[in-house]
Amino acid sequence: MATHYAIRHLTRFTYAMPVAESVMELRMRPATDGPQRCLQFEVDLQPRARVFAYCDFLGNWVHHFDLPRRHSRLAITARAQVQIDPPVPMPEALPAETWLTVDGWAARDEHWDFRHESRFAQWTEALLGFATSLGPAAERSADPLTTARTLMRGIHRAFDYAPNSTRVDSPIDEALATKRGVCQDFTHIMLALLRRLGLPCRYVSGYIAPRALGDDDGPTTIATHAWVEVLLPELGWVGLDPTNDIEAGLRHVRVAVGRDYADVPPTRGVYKGGAASQLEVSVEVTPSDALPTLDTAVAAATWAAEAPAQPESAERAAQEQQQQQQ
């Protein structure tokens, strides 16, 4: 039976003094792909502005707007209704010789972007040291599916889930040093380890619904979430969630995919002015056996972050308009 969700994602920027203009991209519309369908999506802005949309080179929906008049607050409310069909059951393992298919992709330069380092998934000395500590789990000691599952479990056990312990632009070395992080960090570390073995994999931005009553499968956040999809012979893209040590399924709502977080932030933008800004994010997810309304929410997560005045660079200004995936 299909599972339905209603999602409400509120993002609010508050500025210490009025700013002259805000230009922003949003990646908040759930994907329609495979077992998931986006049944309805809408964006509301306060103050009002005209919203445009296009699909980026990875197939993600991007909504964008320019708010040219002065304002001291900006509120973005995205609402969606999503249907997810039950996933196809995964096998216990793949034949060991499927590594030959993986090596064939590399020989033909296929899936290049998802096999190499990216901005937030680097093969740093700290990453290589962590891989060594995992032993055979971080090597081709089993078939590709078993290897990916084992890496997911190793990352989950090695790190503590700690909200707000890193920043939106934190390199993986920070989480590797403290063994603490959020889903964004867990995902970047797993991407780097899988790509080191030659497995194509991508960052997935989305939401995770609350676990069923009585379940206990790890530290779940119901804010925006991130996990990994790894491309495996015979299976295609397989979702793995190292934060919760589970395979992506009926609780995972996919929004966008990319090489890492830099490709898919829920919000990315800049504003004119030197005022300090405060970011607040609230996400509500309503699971239901029947199609729910957009108004009722049985679970919610809210967090806030402050940004300093006078950004050091254009990149820093853009980061002030981004929200970390917790």
C-alpha atoms as a PDB file:
ATOM      1  CA  MET A   1       0.000   0.000   0.000  1.00  0.00           C
ATOM      2  CA  ALA A   2       1.261   3.460  -0.854  1.00  0.00           C
ATOM      3  CA  THR A   3       2.187   5.896   1.907  1.00  0.00           C
ATOM      4  CA  HIS A   4       1.164   9.556   1.740  1.00  0.00           C
ATOM      5  CA  TYR A   5       2.759  12.570   3.391  1.00  0.00           C
ATOM      6  CA  ALA A   6       1.857  16.225   3.739  1.00  0.00           C
ATOM      7  CA  ILE A   7       4.924  18.435   4.189  1.00  0.00           C
ATOM      8  CA  ARG A   8       5.152  22.057   5.280  1.00  0.00           C
ATOM      9  CA  HIS A   9       8.612  23.650   5.154  1.00  0.00           C
ATOM     10  CA  LEU A  10       8.807  27.180   6.581  1.00  0.00           C
ATOM     11  CA  THR A  11      12.006  29.240   6.212  1.00  0.00           C
ATOM     12  CA  ARG A  12      12.160  32.689   7.779  1.00  0.00           C
ATOM     13  CA  PHE A  13      14.972  35.239   7.431  1.00  0.00           C
ATOM     14  CA  THR A  14      14.899  38.200   9.841  1.00  0.00           C
ATOM     15  CA  TYR A  15      17.284  41.107   9.237  1.00  0.00           C
ATOM     16  CA  ALA A  16      18.559  43.542  11.884  1.00  0.00           C
ATOM     17  CA  MET A  17      17.643  46.410   9.559  1.00  0.00           C
ATOM     18  CA  PRO A  18      15.877  46.553   6.196  1.00  0.00           C
ATOM     19  CA  VAL A  19      17.806  45.130   3.235  1.00  0.00           C
ATOM     20  CA  ALA A  20      17.431  46.372  -0.322  1.00  0.00           C
ATOM     21  CA  GLU A  21      16.932  43.164  -2.292  1.00  0.00           C
ATOM     22  CA  SER A  22      16.880  39.360  -1.951  1.00  0.00           C
ATOM     23  CA  VAL A  23      17.570  36.915  -4.786  1.00  0.00           C
ATOM     24  CA  MET A  24      17.102  33.248  -4.006  1.00  0.00           C
ATOM     25  CA  GLU A  25      16.878  29.705  -5.382  1.00  0.00           C
ATOM     26  CA  LEU A  26      14.789  27.009  -3.704  1.00  0.00           C
ATOM     27  CA  ARG A  27      15.155  23.250  -4.037  1.00  0.00           C
ATOM     28  CA  MET A  28      12.108  22.143  -2.071  1.00  0.00           C
ATOM     29  CA  ARG A  29       9.782  20.418  -4.519  1.00  0.00           C
ATOM     30  CA  PRO A  30       9.777  16.633  -3.892  1.00  0.00           C
ATOM     31  CA  ALA A  31      10.857  14.559  -6.853  1.00  0.00           C
ATOM     32  CA  THR A  32       8.622  12.425  -9.034  1.00  0.00           C
ATOM     33  CA  ASP A  33      10.859   9.477  -9.729  1.00  0.00           C
ATOM     34  CA  GLY A  34      10.658   5.724  -9.250  1.00  0.00           C
ATOM     35  CA  PRO A  35       8.243   4.830  -6.446  1.00  0.00           C
ATOM     36  CA  GLN A  36       7.718   8.474  -5.392  1.00  0.00           C
ATOM     37  CA  ARG A  37       5.236  10.959  -6.837  1.00  0.00           C
ATOM     38  CA  CYS A  38       4.784  14.613  -5.952  1.00  0.00           C
ATOM     39  CA  LEU A  39       1.011  15.111  -6.053  1.00  0.00           C
ATOM     40  CA  GLN A  40       0.930  18.812  -5.189  1.00  0.00           C
ATOM     41  CA  PHE A  41       3.445  21.575  -4.533  1.00  0.00           C
ATOM     42  CA  GLU A  42       3.143  25.291  -3.847  1.00  0.00           C
ATOM     43  CA  VAL A  43       5.377  28.106  -2.613  1.00  0.00           C
ATOM     44  CA  ASP A  44       4.176  31.173  -0.722  1.00  0.00           C
ATOM     45  CA  LEU A  45       6.389  34.229  -0.157  1.00  0.00           C
ATOM     46  CA  GLN A  46       5.983  37.076   2.294  1.00  0.00           C
ATOM     47  CA  PRO A  47       6.554  39.781   1.080  1.00  0.00           C
ATOM     48  CA  ARG A  48       5.043  38.678  -2.197  1.00  0.00           C
ATOM     49  CA  ALA A  49       7.204  38.100  -5.267  1.00  0.00           C
ATOM     50  CA  ARG A  50       6.837  36.273  -8.559  1.00  0.00           C
ATOM     51  CA  VAL A  51       8.290  32.752  -8.497  1.00  0.00           C
ATOM     52  CA  PHE A  52       9.784  31.036 -11.555  1.00  0.00           C
ATOM     53  CA  ALA A  53      10.901  27.419 -11.955  1.00  0.00           C
ATOM     54  CA  TYR A  54      13.167  25.242 -14.083  1.00  0.00           C
ATOM     55  CA  CYS A  55      14.868  21.821 -13.924  1.00  0.00           C
ATOM     56  CA  ASP A  56      18.619  21.856 -13.358  1.00  0.00           C
ATOM     57  CA  PHE A  57      21.153  19.606 -15.118  1.00  0.00           C
ATOM     58  CA  LEU A  58      20.550  16.844 -12.566  1.00  0.00           C
ATOM     59  CA  GLY A  59      16.782  16.886 -13.031  1.00  0.00           C
ATOM     60  CA  ASN A  60      15.977  18.738  -9.791  1.00  0.00           C
ATOM     61  CA  TRP A  61      13.199  21.320  -9.694  1.00  0.00           C
ATOM     62  CA  VAL A  62      14.541  24.783  -8.862  1.00  0.00           C
ATOM     63  CA  HIS A  63      12.226  27.657  -7.946  1.00  0.00           C
ATOM     64  CA  HIS A  64      13.711  31.141  -7.912  1.00  0.00           C
ATOM     65  CA  PHE A  65      12.653  34.719  -7.260  1.00  0.00           C
ATOM     66  CA  ASP A  66      13.915  38.285  -6.959  1.00  0.00           C
ATOM     67  CA  LEU A  67      12.456  40.494  -4.240  1.00  0.00           C
ATOM     68  CA  PRO A  68      13.689  43.971  -5.269  1.00  0.00           C
ATOM     69  CA  ARG A  69      12.012  46.147  -2.640  1.00  0.00           C
ATOM     70  CA  ARG A  70      13.229  46.841   0.885  1.00  0.00           C
ATOM     71  CA  HIS A  71      12.212  44.355   3.565  1.00  0.00           C
ATOM     72  CA  SER A  72      13.222  43.357   7.088  1.00  0.00           C
ATOM     73  CA  ARG A  73      11.769  39.831   7.000  1.00  0.00           C
ATOM     74  CA  LEU A  74      11.431  37.149   4.358  1.00  0.00           C
ATOM     75  CA  ALA A  75       9.216  34.113   4.906  1.00  0.00           C
ATOM     76  CA  ILE A  76       9.147  31.174   2.465  1.00  0.00           C
ATOM     77  CA  THR A  77       6.505  28.491   2.954  1.00  0.00           C
ATOM     78  CA  ALA A  78       6.660  25.378   0.745  1.00  0.00           C
ATOM     79  CA  ARG A  79       3.822  22.856   0.928  1.00  0.00           C
ATOM     80  CA  ALA A  80       3.773  19.457  -0.742  1.00  0.00           C
ATOM     81  CA  GLN A  81       1.767  16.259  -0.887  1.00  0.00           C
ATOM     82  CA  VAL A  82       3.708  13.115  -1.738  1.00  0.00           C
ATOM     83  CA  GLN A  83       2.892   9.487  -2.441  1.00  0.00           C
ATOM     84  CA  ILE A  84       5.509   6.746  -1.993  1.00  0.00           C
ATOM     85  CA  ASP A  85       4.946   3.184  -3.148  1.00  0.00           C
ATOM     86  CA  PRO A  86       6.622   0.306  -1.274  1.00  0.00           C
ATOM     87  CA  PRO A  87      10.222  -0.193  -2.446  1.00  0.00           C
ATOM     88  CA  VAL A  88      11.384  -3.306  -4.242  1.00  0.00           C
ATOM     89  CA  PRO A  89      12.989  -5.666  -1.697  1.00  0.00           C
ATOM     90  CA  MET A  90      16.781  -5.667  -1.778  1.00  0.00           C
ATOM     91  CA  PRO A  91      18.733  -8.935  -2.086  1.00  0.00           C
ATOM     92  CA  GLU A  92      21.019 -10.041   0.735  1.00  0.00           C
ATOM     93  CA  ALA A  93      24.054  -9.637  -1.514  1.00  0.00           C
ATOM     94  CA  LEU A  94      25.254  -9.311  -5.106  1.00  0.00           C
ATOM     95  CA  PRO A  95      27.650 -11.638  -6.915  1.00  0.00           C
ATOM     96  CA  ALA A  96      31.267 -10.751  -6.148  1.00  0.00           C
ATOM     97  CA  GLU A  97      32.008 -10.354  -9.859  1.00  0.00           C
ATOM     98  CA  THR A  98      29.739  -7.286 -10.043  1.00  0.00           C
ATOM     99  CA  TRP A  99      32.886  -5.309  -9.166  1.00  0.00           C
ATOM    100  CA  LEU A 100      33.893  -5.965 -12.783  1.00  0.00           C
ATOM    101  CA  THR A 101      30.837  -3.964 -13.910  1.00  0.00           C
ATOM    102  CA  VAL A 102      31.800  -1.133 -11.556  1.00  0.00           C
ATOM    103  CA  ASP A 103      35.330  -1.102 -12.971  1.00  0.00           C
ATOM    104  CA  GLY A 104      33.860  -1.095 -16.481  1.00  0.00           C
ATOM    105  CA  TRP A 105      32.022   2.145 -15.709  1.00  0.00           C
ATOM    106  CA  ALA A 106      35.317   3.732 -14.692  1.00  0.00           C
ATOM    107  CA  ALA A 107      37.101   2.433 -17.797  1.00  0.00           C
ATOM    108  CA  ARG A 108      34.451   4.089 -19.975  1.00  0.00           C
ATOM    109  CA  ASP A 109      34.399   7.296 -17.861  1.00  0.00           C
ATOM    110  CA  GLU A 110      30.736   6.760 -17.010  1.00  0.00           C
ATOM    111  CA  HIS A 111      29.173   8.495 -13.977  1.00  0.00           C
ATOM    112  CA  TRP A 112      32.330  10.607 -13.668  1.00  0.00           C
ATOM    113  CA  ASP A 113      30.853  13.299 -11.421  1.00  0.00           C
ATOM    114  CA  PHE A 114      29.651  10.730  -8.902  1.00  0.00           C
ATOM    115  CA  ARG A 115      32.897   8.741  -8.748  1.00  0.00           C
ATOM    116  CA  HIS A 116      35.339  11.535  -7.883  1.00  0.00           C
ATOM    117  CA  GLU A 117      35.949  13.969  -5.064  1.00  0.00           C
ATOM    118  CA  SER A 118      33.666  16.969  -4.747  1.00  0.00           C
ATOM    119  CA  ARG A 119      33.683  20.128  -2.650  1.00  0.00           C
ATOM    120  CA  PHE A 120      32.403  18.492   0.551  1.00  0.00           C
ATOM    121  CA  ALA A 121      33.450  14.881  -0.124  1.00  0.00           C
ATOM    122  CA  GLN A 122      37.238  15.057  -0.187  1.00  0.00           C
ATOM    123  CA  TRP A 123      39.776  12.266   0.287  1.00  0.00           C
ATOM    124  CA  THR A 124      41.560  14.142   3.058  1.00  0.00           C
ATOM    125  CA  GLU A 125      44.190  12.679   5.363  1.00  0.00           C
ATOM    126  CA  ALA A 126      41.563  12.487   8.107  1.00  0.00           C
ATOM    127  CA  LEU A 127      39.191  10.600   5.793  1.00  0.00           C
ATOM    128  CA  LEU A 128      41.906   8.147   4.761  1.00  0.00           C
ATOM    129  CA  GLY A 129      42.817   7.639   8.418  1.00  0.00           C
ATOM    130  CA  PHE A 130      39.179   6.890   9.258  1.00  0.00           C
ATOM    131  CA  ALA A 131      39.026   4.436   6.353  1.00  0.00           C
ATOM    132  CA  THR A 132      42.084   2.654   7.756  1.00  0.00           C
ATOM    133  CA  SER A 133      40.410   2.422  11.172  1.00  0.00           C
ATOM    134  CA  LEU A 134      37.432   0.656   9.597  1.00  0.00           C
ATOM    135  CA  GLY A 135      39.698  -2.070   8.226  1.00  0.00           C
ATOM    136  CA  PRO A 136      38.160  -4.477   5.687  1.00  0.00           C
ATOM    137  CA  ALA A 137      34.818  -2.612   5.953  1.00  0.00           C
ATOM    138  CA  ALA A 138      36.341   0.227   3.906  1.00  0.00           C
ATOM    139  CA  GLU A 139      37.852  -2.043   1.267  1.00  0.00           C
ATOM    140  CA  ARG A 140      36.510  -4.272  -1.491  1.00  0.00           C
ATOM    141  CA  SER A 141      36.331  -7.212   0.880  1.00  0.00           C
ATOM    142  CA  ALA A 142      32.771  -8.179  -0.120  1.00  0.00           C
ATOM    143  CA  ASP A 143      30.349  -7.577  -2.986  1.00  0.00           C
ATOM    144  CA  PRO A 144      29.345  -3.937  -3.704  1.00  0.00           C
ATOM    145  CA  LEU A 145      25.983  -4.088  -1.905  1.00  0.00           C
ATOM    146  CA  THR A 146      27.411  -5.711   1.216  1.00  0.00           C
ATOM    147  CA  THR A 147      30.320  -3.265   1.179  1.00  0.00           C
ATOM    148  CA  ALA A 148      27.991  -0.257   1.027  1.00  0.00           C
ATOM    149  CA  ARG A 149      25.814  -1.596   3.839  1.00  0.00           C
ATOM    150  CA  THR A 150      28.865  -2.339   5.993  1.00  0.00           C
ATOM    151  CA  LEU A 151      30.242   1.172   5.455  1.00  0.00           C
ATOM    152  CA  MET A 152      26.878   2.658   6.407  1.00  0.00           C
ATOM    153  CA  ARG A 153      26.871   0.657   9.644  1.00  0.00           C
ATOM    154  CA  GLY A 154      30.475   1.576  10.422  1.00  0.00           C
ATOM    155  CA  ILE A 155      29.812   5.306  10.024  1.00  0.00           C
ATOM    156  CA  HIS A 156      26.651   5.101  12.122  1.00  0.00           C
ATOM    157  CA  ARG A 157      28.524   3.407  14.967  1.00  0.00           C
ATOM    158  CA  ALA A 158      31.605   5.646  14.807  1.00  0.00           C
ATOM    159  CA  PHE A 159      29.823   9.026  15.015  1.00  0.00           C
ATOM    160  CA  ASP A 160      27.403  10.621  17.436  1.00  0.00           C
ATOM    161  CA  TYR A 161      24.446  12.426  15.945  1.00  0.00           C
ATOM    162  CA  ALA A 162      24.637  15.934  17.454  1.00  0.00           C
ATOM    163  CA  PRO A 163      22.373  18.685  16.042  1.00  0.00           C
ATOM    164  CA  ASN A 164      24.079  22.044  15.437  1.00  0.00           C
ATOM    165  CA  SER A 165      27.526  20.558  16.078  1.00  0.00           C
ATOM    166  CA  THR A 166      28.800  21.655  12.643  1.00  0.00           C
ATOM    167  CA  ARG A 167      28.046  24.473  10.184  1.00  0.00           C
ATOM    168  CA  VAL A 168      26.482  24.499   6.750  1.00  0.00           C
ATOM    169  CA  ASP A 169      29.948  24.868   5.194  1.00  0.00           C
ATOM    170  CA  SER A 170      31.901  22.568   7.532  1.00  0.00           C
ATOM    171  CA  PRO A 171      34.454  20.294   5.846  1.00  0.00           C
ATOM    172  CA  ILE A 172      34.264  16.611   6.761  1.00  0.00           C
ATOM    173  CA  ASP A 173      37.475  16.911   8.769  1.00  0.00           C
ATOM    174  CA  GLU A 174      35.578  18.699  11.552  1.00  0.00           C
ATOM    175  CA  ALA A 175      33.190  15.803  12.072  1.00  0.00           C
ATOM    176  CA  LEU A 176      36.015  13.299  11.644  1.00  0.00           C
ATOM    177  CA  ALA A 177      37.985  15.037  14.403  1.00  0.00           C
ATOM    178  CA  THR A 178      35.158  15.161  16.948  1.00  0.00           C
ATOM    179  CA  LYS A 179      33.233  12.051  15.828  1.00  0.00           C
ATOM    180  CA  ARG A 180      30.079  14.184  16.019  1.00  0.00           C
ATOM    181  CA  GLY A 181      27.914  15.649  13.298  1.00  0.00           C
ATOM    182  CA  VAL A 182      24.567  15.919  11.556  1.00  0.00           C
ATOM    183  CA  CYS A 183      23.128  14.026   8.603  1.00  0.00           C
ATOM    184  CA  GLN A 184      24.954  16.312   6.183  1.00  0.00           C
ATOM    185  CA  ASP A 185      28.301  15.233   7.690  1.00  0.00           C
ATOM    186  CA  PHE A 186      27.392  11.528   7.856  1.00  0.00           C
ATOM    187  CA  THR A 187      26.408  11.653   4.194  1.00  0.00           C
ATOM    188  CA  HIS A 188      29.529  13.469   2.977  1.00  0.00           C
ATOM    189  CA  ILE A 189      31.804  11.020   4.806  1.00  0.00           C
ATOM    190  CA  MET A 190      29.991   8.035   3.288  1.00  0.00           C
ATOM    191  CA  LEU A 191      30.154   9.588  -0.183  1.00  0.00           C
ATOM    192  CA  ALA A 192      33.922  10.018   0.111  1.00  0.00           C
ATOM    193  CA  LEU A 193      34.432   6.441   1.323  1.00  0.00           C
ATOM    194  CA  LEU A 194      32.272   4.895  -1.403  1.00  0.00           C
ATOM    195  CA  ARG A 195      33.852   6.949  -4.187  1.00  0.00           C
ATOM    196  CA  ARG A 196      37.290   5.930  -2.916  1.00  0.00           C
ATOM    197  CA  LEU A 197      36.250   2.362  -3.805  1.00  0.00           C
ATOM    198  CA  GLY A 198      35.090   3.425  -7.271  1.00  0.00           C
ATOM    199  CA  LEU A 199      31.365   3.232  -6.530  1.00  0.00           C
ATOM    200  CA  PRO A 200      29.271   6.041  -8.100  1.00  0.00           C
ATOM    201  CA  CYS A 201      27.180   7.690  -5.413  1.00  0.00           C
ATOM    202  CA  ARG A 202      25.236  10.894  -4.930  1.00  0.00           C
ATOM    203  CA  TYR A 203      23.942  13.154  -2.178  1.00  0.00           C
ATOM    204  CA  VAL A 204      20.174  13.100  -1.628  1.00  0.00           C
ATOM    205  CA  SER A 205      18.398  16.063  -0.054  1.00  0.00           C
ATOM    206  CA  GLY A 206      14.927  15.513   1.313  1.00  0.00           C
ATOM    207  CA  TYR A 207      12.879  14.791   4.412  1.00  0.00           C
ATOM    208  CA  ILE A 208      12.515  11.849   6.747  1.00  0.00           C
ATOM    209  CA  ALA A 209       9.170  11.147   8.377  1.00  0.00           C
ATOM    210  CA  PRO A 210       8.859  10.284  12.072  1.00  0.00           C
ATOM    211  CA  ARG A 211       9.382   6.623  12.862  1.00  0.00           C
ATOM    212  CA  ALA A 212       6.351   4.513  13.625  1.00  0.00           C
ATOM    213  CA  LEU A 213       5.242   4.474  17.240  1.00  0.00           C
ATOM    214  CA  GLY A 214       7.363   2.045  19.225  1.00  0.00           C
ATOM    215  CA  ASP A 215      10.151   1.784  16.650  1.00  0.00           C
ATOM    216  CA  ASP A 216      13.707   2.544  17.721  1.00  0.00           C
ATOM    217  CA  ASP A 217      16.105   2.631  14.812  1.00  0.00           C
ATOM    218  CA  GLY A 218      18.356   5.561  15.611  1.00  0.00           C
ATOM    219  CA  PRO A 219      18.453   9.322  16.063  1.00  0.00           C
ATOM    220  CA  THR A 220      15.844  10.580  13.631  1.00  0.00           C
ATOM    221  CA  THR A 221      15.431  14.214  12.712  1.00  0.00           C
ATOM    222  CA  ILE A 222      12.308  15.380  10.937  1.00  0.00           C
ATOM    223  CA  ALA A 223      13.907  18.522   9.618  1.00  0.00           C
ATOM    224  CA  THR A 224      15.445  18.484   6.163  1.00  0.00           C
ATOM    225  CA  HIS A 225      17.461  15.312   5.852  1.00  0.00           C
ATOM    226  CA  ALA A 226      20.259  13.894   3.724  1.00  0.00           C
ATOM    227  CA  TRP A 227      21.371  10.418   2.769  1.00  0.00           C
ATOM    228  CA  VAL A 228      23.326   8.552   0.088  1.00  0.00           C
ATOM    229  CA  GLU A 229      22.296   6.833  -3.113  1.00  0.00           C
ATOM    230  CA  VAL A 230      24.867   4.417  -4.511  1.00  0.00           C
ATOM    231  CA  LEU A 231      24.684   3.039  -8.046  1.00  0.00           C
ATOM    232  CA  LEU A 232      24.917  -0.756  -7.997  1.00  0.00           C
ATOM    233  CA  PRO A 233      24.919  -3.247 -10.886  1.00  0.00           C
ATOM    234  CA  GLU A 234      21.551  -4.990 -11.358  1.00  0.00           C
ATOM    235  CA  LEU A 235      19.874  -2.715  -8.758  1.00  0.00           C
ATOM    236  CA  GLY A 236      20.309   0.875  -9.951  1.00  0.00           C
ATOM    237  CA  TRP A 237      20.379   3.689  -7.399  1.00  0.00           C
ATOM    238  CA  VAL A 238      20.040   2.334  -3.847  1.00  0.00           C
ATOM    239  CA  GLY A 239      19.353   4.701  -0.946  1.00  0.00           C
ATOM    240  CA  LEU A 240      21.331   4.257   2.298  1.00  0.00           C
ATOM    241  CA  ASP A 241      20.917   6.460   5.377  1.00  0.00           C
ATOM    242  CA  PRO A 242      24.061   6.387   7.566  1.00  0.00           C
ATOM    243  CA  THR A 243      22.559   8.737  10.163  1.00  0.00           C
ATOM    244  CA  ASN A 244      19.919   6.136  11.019  1.00  0.00           C
ATOM    245  CA  ASP A 245      21.658   2.980   9.709  1.00  0.00           C
ATOM    246  CA  ILE A 246      18.725   2.061   7.484  1.00  0.00           C
ATOM    247  CA  GLU A 247      18.008   1.691   3.799  1.00  0.00           C
ATOM    248  CA  ALA A 248      15.921   4.498   2.340  1.00  0.00           C
ATOM    249  CA  GLY A 249      12.299   3.479   2.134  1.00  0.00           C
ATOM    250  CA  LEU A 250       8.804   4.654   2.899  1.00  0.00           C
ATOM    251  CA  ARG A 251       9.984   7.216   5.459  1.00  0.00           C
ATOM    252  CA  HIS A 252      12.362   8.996   3.052  1.00  0.00           C
ATOM    253  CA  VAL A 253      11.014  11.762   0.811  1.00  0.00           C
ATOM    254  CA  ARG A 254      13.466  12.626  -1.976  1.00  0.00           C
ATOM    255  CA  VAL A 255      13.729  16.254  -3.101  1.00  0.00           C
ATOM    256  CA  ALA A 256      17.006  16.693  -4.995  1.00  0.00           C
ATOM    257  CA  VAL A 257      20.230  14.859  -5.840  1.00  0.00           C
ATOM    258  CA  GLY A 258      23.749  16.136  -6.450  1.00  0.00           C
ATOM    259  CA  ARG A 259      27.442  15.505  -6.017  1.00  0.00           C
ATOM    260  CA  ASP A 260      27.190  16.845  -2.449  1.00  0.00           C
ATOM    261  CA  TYR A 261      25.323  19.483  -0.468  1.00  0.00           C
ATOM    262  CA  ALA A 262      26.724  22.304  -2.626  1.00  0.00           C
ATOM    263  CA  ASP A 263      24.514  21.141  -5.522  1.00  0.00           C
ATOM    264  CA  VAL A 264      21.247  20.897  -3.581  1.00  0.00           C
ATOM    265  CA  PRO A 265      20.800  23.343  -0.653  1.00  0.00           C
ATOM    266  CA  PRO A 266      17.097  23.903   0.101  1.00  0.00           C
ATOM    267  CA  THR A 267      17.782  27.652  -0.109  1.00  0.00           C
ATOM    268  CA  ARG A 268      20.619  29.551  -1.767  1.00  0.00           C
ATOM    269  CA  GLY A 269      20.645  33.294  -2.190  1.00  0.00           C
ATOM    270  CA  VAL A 270      22.081  36.708  -1.490  1.00  0.00           C
ATOM    271  CA  TYR A 271      20.778  40.027  -0.243  1.00  0.00           C
ATOM    272  CA  LYS A 272      21.908  43.640  -0.540  1.00  0.00           C
ATOM    273  CA  GLY A 273      22.831  45.226   2.751  1.00  0.00           C
ATOM    274  CA  GLY A 274      25.175  44.864   5.687  1.00  0.00           C
ATOM    275  CA  ALA A 275      22.568  43.866   8.261  1.00  0.00           C
ATOM    276  CA  ALA A 276      22.952  40.779  10.395  1.00  0.00           C
ATOM    277  CA  SER A 277      20.387  38.077   9.663  1.00  0.00           C
ATOM    278  CA  GLN A 278      18.736  35.298  11.621  1.00  0.00           C
ATOM    279  CA  LEU A 279      17.517  32.099   9.987  1.00  0.00           C
ATOM    280  CA  GLU A 280      14.668  30.020  11.398  1.00  0.00           C
ATOM    281  CA  VAL A 281      13.506  26.752   9.849  1.00  0.00           C
ATOM    282  CA  SER A 282      10.424  24.737  10.731  1.00  0.00           C
ATOM    283  CA  VAL A 283       9.444  21.463   9.057  1.00  0.00           C
ATOM    284  CA  GLU A 284       6.210  19.565   9.566  1.00  0.00           C
ATOM    285  CA  VAL A 285       5.535  16.082   8.201  1.00  0.00           C
ATOM    286  CA  THR A 286       2.186  14.302   8.350  1.00  0.00           C
ATOM    287  CA  PRO A 287       2.106  10.606   7.494  1.00  0.00           C
ATOM    288  CA  SER A 288      -1.257   9.026   6.744  1.00  0.00           C
ATOM    289  CA  ASP A 289      -2.733   5.907   5.157  1.00  0.00           C
ATOM    290  CA  ALA A 290      -5.039   8.216   3.229  1.00  0.00           C
ATOM    291  CA  LEU A 291      -4.164  11.432   1.439  1.00  0.00           C
ATOM    292  CA  PRO A 292      -3.881  14.070   4.209  1.00  0.00           C
ATOM    293  CA  THR A 293      -4.609  17.749   4.113  1.00  0.00           C
ATOM    294  CA  LEU A 294      -1.762  20.246   4.136  1.00  0.00           C
ATOM    295  CA  ASP A 295      -2.931  21.876   7.357  1.00  0.00           C
ATOM    296  CA  THR A 296      -2.510  19.110   9.929  1.00  0.00           C
ATOM    297  CA  ALA A 297       0.921  18.078  11.191  1.00  0.00           C
ATOM    298  CA  VAL A 298       1.630  15.366  13.744  1.00  0.00           C
ATOM    299  CA  ALA A 299       5.337  16.087  14.013  1.00  0.00           C
ATOM    300  CA  ALA A 300       7.490  19.148  13.663  1.00  0.00           C
ATOM    301  CA  ALA A 301      11.085  20.289  14.027  1.00  0.00           C
ATOM    302  CA  THR A 302      12.263  23.865  14.417  1.00  0.00           C
ATOM    303  CA  TRP A 303      15.751  25.347  14.659  1.00  0.00           C
ATOM    304  CA  ALA A 304      17.353  28.751  14.310  1.00  0.00           C
ATOM    305  CA  ALA A 305      20.781  30.129  13.455  1.00  0.00           C
ATOM    306  CA  GLU A 306      22.231  33.615  13.518  1.00  0.00           C
ATOM    307  CA  ALA A 307      24.482  35.063  10.841  1.00  0.00           C
ATOM    308  CA  PRO A 308      26.917  37.928  11.506  1.00  0.00           C
ATOM    309  CA  ALA A 309      26.709  41.366   9.981  1.00  0.00           C
ATOM    310  CA  GLN A 310      29.020  42.433   7.153  1.00  0.00           C
ATOM    311  CA  PRO A 311      29.749  39.117   5.388  1.00  0.00           C
ATOM    312  CA  GLU A 312      33.411  38.501   4.601  1.00  0.00           C
ATOM    313  CA  SER A 313      32.775  37.541   0.984  1.00  0.00           C
ATOM    314  CA  ALA A 314      30.087  36.905  -1.598  1.00  0.00           C
ATOM    315  CA  GLU A 315      30.309  33.212  -0.766  1.00  0.00           C
ATOM    316  CA  ARG A 316      29.745  33.917   2.911  1.00  0.00           C
ATOM    317  CA  ALA A 317      26.732  36.084   2.045  1.00  0.00           C
ATOM    318  CA  ALA A 318      25.307  33.194   0.050  1.00  0.00           C
ATOM    319  CA  GLN A 319      25.849  30.838   2.987  1.00  0.00           C
ATOM    320  CA  GLU A 320      23.837  33.140   5.222  1.00  0.00           C
ATOM    321  CA  GLN A 321      20.884  32.361   2.991  1.00  0.00           C
ATOM    322  CA  GLN A 322      21.464  28.589   3.163  1.00  0.00           C
ATOM    323  CA  GLN A 323      20.123  26.135   5.724  1.00  0.00           C
ATOM    324  CA  GLN A 324      22.106  23.199   7.026  1.00  0.00           C
ATOM    325  CA  GLN A 325      20.560  19.763   6.784  1.00  0.00           C
ATOM    326  CA  GLN A 326      20.222  18.453  10.321  1.00  0.00           C
END
